Amino acid sequence: MKRYAMVTGIRPEKIDDYKKLHAAVWDGVVRQIRACNIRNYSIYLREIAGQHYLFSYFEYTGDNFEADMEKMAADSTTQRWWKETAPMQLPLPDAAAKGETWSGMEELMFIP
């Protein structure tokens, strides 16, 4: 199992919409996340110095992360979900430069 943490910005005027959408995640999205070997997936919201950020954490239990992420990206329900969420988010510069939404974070400590 490998742990992942990621961060992205969120448009302040879209926070309520984002919360509503994630309060009732579509069943097909949940199924696809699980089918791609992701467990214990959480998203948190935090305001820092007047900017709003989303922090995500999940555990990957598979053996080919890239292949599972390609499988997720090919799923039509996930694609529709991302069409809803992407305009709400503000990628950090490193992610935006790669055409991505979320920026990976370095794990510094883990206490099992």
N, C-alpha and C. Protein backbone atom coordinates (compact mmCIF):
# COMPACT_ATOMS: atom_id res chain seq x y z
N MET A 1 0.85 -1.18 0.00
CA MET A 1 0.00 0.00 0.00
C MET A 1 0.89 1.23 0.00
N LYS A 2 0.53 2.20 -0.82
CA LYS A 2 1.24 3.48 -0.88
C LYS A 2 0.26 4.60 -0.59
N ARG A 3 0.67 5.56 0.23
CA ARG A 3 -0.15 6.71 0.57
C ARG A 3 0.15 7.86 -0.38
N TYR A 4 -0.89 8.60 -0.75
CA TYR A 4 -0.75 9.77 -1.61
C TYR A 4 -1.45 10.95 -0.97
N ALA A 5 -0.83 12.12 -1.05
CA ALA A 5 -1.45 13.36 -0.62
C ALA A 5 -1.28 14.36 -1.75
N MET A 6 -2.31 15.14 -2.00
CA MET A 6 -2.28 16.11 -3.09
C MET A 6 -2.98 17.38 -2.66
N VAL A 7 -2.69 18.47 -3.37
CA VAL A 7 -3.29 19.76 -3.06
C VAL A 7 -3.64 20.48 -4.35
N THR A 8 -4.70 21.26 -4.30
CA THR A 8 -5.10 22.14 -5.39
C THR A 8 -5.87 23.31 -4.79
N GLY A 9 -6.01 24.35 -5.56
CA GLY A 9 -6.82 25.48 -5.12
C GLY A 9 -8.28 25.27 -5.51
N ILE A 10 -9.12 26.10 -4.94
CA ILE A 10 -10.54 26.07 -5.30
C ILE A 10 -11.04 27.50 -5.41
N ARG A 11 -11.89 27.74 -6.39
CA ARG A 11 -12.47 29.07 -6.56
C ARG A 11 -13.42 29.34 -5.39
N PRO A 12 -13.24 30.46 -4.69
CA PRO A 12 -14.07 30.73 -3.50
C PRO A 12 -15.56 30.72 -3.79
N GLU A 13 -15.95 31.20 -4.94
CA GLU A 13 -17.37 31.24 -5.28
C GLU A 13 -17.95 29.86 -5.60
N LYS A 14 -17.09 28.86 -5.72
CA LYS A 14 -17.53 27.50 -6.05
C LYS A 14 -17.48 26.54 -4.85
N ILE A 15 -17.06 27.04 -3.70
CA ILE A 15 -16.90 26.16 -2.53
C ILE A 15 -18.22 25.48 -2.17
N ASP A 16 -19.32 26.23 -2.11
CA ASP A 16 -20.60 25.61 -1.74
C ASP A 16 -21.01 24.54 -2.75
N ASP A 17 -20.83 24.81 -4.04
CA ASP A 17 -21.15 23.82 -5.07
C ASP A 17 -20.28 22.57 -4.93
N TYR A 18 -19.00 22.79 -4.66
CA TYR A 18 -18.07 21.67 -4.49
C TYR A 18 -18.48 20.81 -3.30
N LYS A 19 -18.83 21.45 -2.20
CA LYS A 19 -19.27 20.72 -1.01
C LYS A 19 -20.53 19.91 -1.30
N LYS A 20 -21.50 20.51 -1.98
CA LYS A 20 -22.75 19.80 -2.30
C LYS A 20 -22.47 18.59 -3.18
N LEU A 21 -21.64 18.78 -4.19
CA LEU A 21 -21.32 17.68 -5.11
C LEU A 21 -20.66 16.53 -4.36
N HIS A 22 -19.74 16.86 -3.47
CA HIS A 22 -19.01 15.82 -2.75
C HIS A 22 -19.78 15.24 -1.56
N ALA A 23 -20.85 15.88 -1.17
CA ALA A 23 -21.70 15.32 -0.11
C ALA A 23 -22.49 14.12 -0.64
N ALA A 24 -22.60 14.01 -1.95
CA ALA A 24 -23.33 12.91 -2.58
C ALA A 24 -22.57 12.45 -3.83
N VAL A 25 -21.38 11.89 -3.61
CA VAL A 25 -20.55 11.43 -4.72
C VAL A 25 -21.31 10.38 -5.52
N TRP A 26 -21.28 10.51 -6.83
CA TRP A 26 -21.99 9.58 -7.70
C TRP A 26 -21.50 8.15 -7.46
N ASP A 27 -22.44 7.21 -7.47
CA ASP A 27 -22.10 5.80 -7.25
C ASP A 27 -21.06 5.30 -8.25
N GLY A 28 -21.19 5.69 -9.50
CA GLY A 28 -20.24 5.24 -10.52
C GLY A 28 -18.83 5.74 -10.27
N VAL A 29 -18.71 6.92 -9.70
CA VAL A 29 -17.39 7.46 -9.36
C VAL A 29 -16.78 6.65 -8.22
N VAL A 30 -17.59 6.37 -7.21
CA VAL A 30 -17.12 5.57 -6.08
C VAL A 30 -16.68 4.19 -6.55
N ARG A 31 -17.49 3.56 -7.40
CA ARG A 31 -17.14 2.23 -7.92
C ARG A 31 -15.82 2.26 -8.68
N GLN A 32 -15.63 3.30 -9.51
CA GLN A 32 -14.41 3.40 -10.31
C GLN A 32 -13.19 3.64 -9.43
N ILE A 33 -13.32 4.47 -8.43
CA ILE A 33 -12.22 4.71 -7.49
C ILE A 33 -11.80 3.39 -6.86
N ARG A 34 -12.76 2.63 -6.40
CA ARG A 34 -12.46 1.33 -5.77
C ARG A 34 -11.88 0.34 -6.78
N ALA A 35 -12.42 0.34 -8.00
CA ALA A 35 -11.93 -0.57 -9.04
C ALA A 35 -10.48 -0.25 -9.42
N CYS A 36 -10.07 0.97 -9.16
CA CYS A 36 -8.69 1.40 -9.47
C CYS A 36 -7.78 1.31 -8.24
N ASN A 37 -8.21 0.52 -7.28
CA ASN A 37 -7.39 0.18 -6.11
C ASN A 37 -7.09 1.35 -5.18
N ILE A 38 -8.02 2.29 -5.08
CA ILE A 38 -7.88 3.41 -4.16
C ILE A 38 -8.80 3.17 -2.97
N ARG A 39 -8.25 3.36 -1.79
CA ARG A 39 -8.98 3.18 -0.55
C ARG A 39 -8.77 4.40 0.35
N ASN A 40 -9.68 4.57 1.31
CA ASN A 40 -9.55 5.63 2.31
C ASN A 40 -9.28 7.01 1.68
N TYR A 41 -10.11 7.36 0.71
CA TYR A 41 -9.95 8.61 -0.02
C TYR A 41 -10.71 9.71 0.72
N SER A 42 -10.00 10.80 1.02
CA SER A 42 -10.59 11.93 1.72
C SER A 42 -10.16 13.23 1.04
N ILE A 43 -11.03 14.23 1.10
CA ILE A 43 -10.70 15.58 0.63
C ILE A 43 -11.04 16.55 1.75
N TYR A 44 -10.13 17.46 2.03
CA TYR A 44 -10.30 18.47 3.07
C TYR A 44 -10.21 19.86 2.45
N LEU A 45 -10.83 20.83 3.08
CA LEU A 45 -10.83 22.22 2.64
C LEU A 45 -10.16 23.07 3.71
N ARG A 46 -9.31 24.02 3.27
CA ARG A 46 -8.64 24.92 4.21
C ARG A 46 -8.39 26.27 3.55
N GLU A 47 -8.67 27.34 4.30
CA GLU A 47 -8.33 28.68 3.85
C GLU A 47 -6.98 29.05 4.47
N ILE A 48 -6.07 29.54 3.63
CA ILE A 48 -4.75 29.97 4.08
C ILE A 48 -4.47 31.33 3.45
N ALA A 49 -4.29 32.33 4.28
CA ALA A 49 -3.96 33.69 3.82
C ALA A 49 -4.92 34.17 2.73
N GLY A 50 -6.20 33.91 2.94
CA GLY A 50 -7.21 34.39 2.01
C GLY A 50 -7.42 33.53 0.77
N GLN A 51 -6.64 32.47 0.61
CA GLN A 51 -6.80 31.54 -0.51
C GLN A 51 -7.37 30.23 0.02
N HIS A 52 -8.19 29.59 -0.80
CA HIS A 52 -8.80 28.31 -0.39
C HIS A 52 -8.10 27.16 -1.12
N TYR A 53 -7.84 26.10 -0.36
CA TYR A 53 -7.15 24.93 -0.90
C TYR A 53 -7.89 23.66 -0.54
N LEU A 54 -7.78 22.70 -1.44
CA LEU A 54 -8.28 21.35 -1.20
C LEU A 54 -7.07 20.44 -0.99
N PHE A 55 -7.13 19.61 0.02
CA PHE A 55 -6.10 18.64 0.31
C PHE A 55 -6.74 17.26 0.19
N SER A 56 -6.13 16.37 -0.56
CA SER A 56 -6.67 15.02 -0.68
C SER A 56 -5.66 14.00 -0.17
N TYR A 57 -6.19 12.92 0.35
CA TYR A 57 -5.37 11.81 0.83
C TYR A 57 -6.05 10.52 0.39
N PHE A 58 -5.24 9.57 -0.08
CA PHE A 58 -5.77 8.24 -0.36
C PHE A 58 -4.65 7.21 -0.27
N GLU A 59 -5.08 5.96 -0.18
CA GLU A 59 -4.14 4.85 -0.14
C GLU A 59 -4.34 4.01 -1.40
N TYR A 60 -3.24 3.70 -2.06
CA TYR A 60 -3.28 2.90 -3.28
C TYR A 60 -2.82 1.49 -2.96
N THR A 61 -3.68 0.52 -3.27
CA THR A 61 -3.40 -0.87 -2.92
C THR A 61 -3.04 -1.74 -4.13
N GLY A 62 -2.99 -1.16 -5.30
CA GLY A 62 -2.68 -1.93 -6.50
C GLY A 62 -1.19 -2.05 -6.73
N ASP A 63 -0.83 -2.55 -7.94
CA ASP A 63 0.58 -2.72 -8.26
C ASP A 63 1.01 -1.99 -9.53
N ASN A 64 0.07 -1.21 -10.13
CA ASN A 64 0.42 -0.43 -11.32
C ASN A 64 -0.41 0.86 -11.30
N PHE A 65 0.09 1.84 -10.57
CA PHE A 65 -0.64 3.09 -10.37
C PHE A 65 -0.96 3.78 -11.71
N GLU A 66 0.02 3.86 -12.59
CA GLU A 66 -0.20 4.53 -13.87
C GLU A 66 -1.31 3.87 -14.67
N ALA A 67 -1.31 2.54 -14.72
CA ALA A 67 -2.36 1.82 -15.47
C ALA A 67 -3.73 2.04 -14.82
N ASP A 68 -3.79 2.03 -13.51
CA ASP A 68 -5.07 2.25 -12.84
C ASP A 68 -5.56 3.69 -13.06
N MET A 69 -4.66 4.65 -13.10
CA MET A 69 -5.07 6.04 -13.35
C MET A 69 -5.54 6.21 -14.80
N GLU A 70 -4.93 5.49 -15.73
CA GLU A 70 -5.39 5.51 -17.12
C GLU A 70 -6.78 4.89 -17.22
N LYS A 71 -7.00 3.81 -16.48
CA LYS A 71 -8.32 3.15 -16.44
C LYS A 71 -9.37 4.12 -15.90
N MET A 72 -9.02 4.85 -14.85
CA MET A 72 -9.96 5.80 -14.27
C MET A 72 -10.27 6.92 -15.27
N ALA A 73 -9.23 7.43 -15.91
CA ALA A 73 -9.40 8.53 -16.86
C ALA A 73 -10.23 8.12 -18.08
N ALA A 74 -10.25 6.85 -18.40
CA ALA A 74 -11.02 6.36 -19.55
C ALA A 74 -12.49 6.12 -19.22
N ASP A 75 -12.83 6.13 -17.96
CA ASP A 75 -14.21 5.85 -17.53
C ASP A 75 -15.12 7.04 -17.82
N SER A 76 -16.22 6.81 -18.49
CA SER A 76 -17.11 7.90 -18.91
C SER A 76 -17.76 8.62 -17.72
N THR A 77 -18.11 7.89 -16.67
CA THR A 77 -18.71 8.54 -15.50
C THR A 77 -17.68 9.44 -14.81
N THR A 78 -16.46 8.95 -14.68
CA THR A 78 -15.40 9.76 -14.08
C THR A 78 -15.14 11.00 -14.94
N GLN A 79 -15.16 10.86 -16.24
CA GLN A 79 -14.96 12.01 -17.13
C GLN A 79 -16.05 13.07 -16.92
N ARG A 80 -17.29 12.63 -16.75
CA ARG A 80 -18.38 13.59 -16.49
C ARG A 80 -18.19 14.25 -15.13
N TRP A 81 -17.76 13.49 -14.13
CA TRP A 81 -17.50 14.03 -12.79
C TRP A 81 -16.41 15.11 -12.87
N TRP A 82 -15.34 14.81 -13.58
CA TRP A 82 -14.25 15.77 -13.72
C TRP A 82 -14.69 17.02 -14.46
N LYS A 83 -15.63 16.86 -15.40
CA LYS A 83 -16.17 18.04 -16.08
C LYS A 83 -16.91 18.95 -15.11
N GLU A 84 -17.50 18.36 -14.09
CA GLU A 84 -18.19 19.14 -13.05
C GLU A 84 -17.18 19.80 -12.11
N THR A 85 -16.18 19.06 -11.69
CA THR A 85 -15.27 19.54 -10.65
C THR A 85 -14.15 20.43 -11.18
N ALA A 86 -13.64 20.15 -12.37
CA ALA A 86 -12.47 20.89 -12.87
C ALA A 86 -12.66 22.40 -12.90
N PRO A 87 -13.80 22.93 -13.35
CA PRO A 87 -13.95 24.38 -13.37
C PRO A 87 -14.00 25.01 -11.97
N MET A 88 -14.22 24.21 -10.95
CA MET A 88 -14.27 24.72 -9.59
C MET A 88 -12.88 24.86 -8.98
N GLN A 89 -11.93 24.14 -9.54
CA GLN A 89 -10.60 24.05 -8.96
C GLN A 89 -9.63 25.02 -9.62
N LEU A 90 -8.60 25.41 -8.86
CA LEU A 90 -7.53 26.29 -9.34
C LEU A 90 -6.20 25.57 -9.14
N PRO A 91 -5.70 24.88 -10.16
CA PRO A 91 -4.45 24.14 -10.00
C PRO A 91 -3.29 25.06 -9.61
N LEU A 92 -2.39 24.53 -8.82
CA LEU A 92 -1.15 25.24 -8.50
C LEU A 92 -0.29 25.29 -9.76
N PRO A 93 0.67 26.21 -9.82
CA PRO A 93 1.44 26.39 -11.06
C PRO A 93 2.10 25.12 -11.60
N ASP A 94 2.65 24.27 -10.74
CA ASP A 94 3.32 23.06 -11.23
C ASP A 94 2.34 22.12 -11.92
N ALA A 95 1.15 21.97 -11.36
CA ALA A 95 0.14 21.09 -11.98
C ALA A 95 -0.39 21.73 -13.26
N ALA A 96 -0.67 23.03 -13.21
CA ALA A 96 -1.20 23.72 -14.39
C ALA A 96 -0.23 23.60 -15.58
N ALA A 97 1.07 23.67 -15.31
CA ALA A 97 2.07 23.58 -16.38
C ALA A 97 2.03 22.22 -17.08
N LYS A 98 1.54 21.20 -16.38
CA LYS A 98 1.44 19.85 -16.95
C LYS A 98 0.02 19.52 -17.40
N GLY A 99 -0.89 20.51 -17.32
CA GLY A 99 -2.27 20.26 -17.69
C GLY A 99 -3.00 19.40 -16.68
N GLU A 100 -2.55 19.41 -15.43
CA GLU A 100 -3.16 18.61 -14.38
C GLU A 100 -3.86 19.52 -13.39
N THR A 101 -4.61 18.92 -12.48
CA THR A 101 -5.35 19.69 -11.48
C THR A 101 -4.69 19.62 -10.11
N TRP A 102 -4.26 18.46 -9.71
CA TRP A 102 -3.74 18.24 -8.36
C TRP A 102 -2.22 18.18 -8.38
N SER A 103 -1.59 18.76 -7.35
CA SER A 103 -0.15 18.70 -7.16
C SER A 103 0.16 17.68 -6.08
N GLY A 104 1.10 16.80 -6.37
CA GLY A 104 1.51 15.81 -5.38
C GLY A 104 2.26 16.47 -4.23
N MET A 105 2.26 15.79 -3.10
CA MET A 105 2.94 16.28 -1.91
C MET A 105 3.93 15.21 -1.44
N GLU A 106 5.01 15.65 -0.84
CA GLU A 106 6.03 14.76 -0.32
C GLU A 106 5.66 14.32 1.10
N GLU A 107 5.69 13.03 1.33
CA GLU A 107 5.43 12.52 2.67
C GLU A 107 6.70 12.68 3.51
N LEU A 108 6.55 13.30 4.66
CA LEU A 108 7.68 13.53 5.55
C LEU A 108 7.69 12.61 6.76
N MET A 109 6.53 12.13 7.15
CA MET A 109 6.45 11.29 8.33
C MET A 109 5.26 10.37 8.23
N PHE A 110 5.43 9.18 8.77
CA PHE A 110 4.32 8.24 8.90
C PHE A 110 4.53 7.46 10.19
N ILE A 111 3.51 7.41 11.01
CA ILE A 111 3.55 6.61 12.22
C ILE A 111 2.43 5.59 12.12
N PRO A 112 2.77 4.33 11.94
CA PRO A 112 1.72 3.31 11.82
C PRO A 112 1.06 3.00 13.16
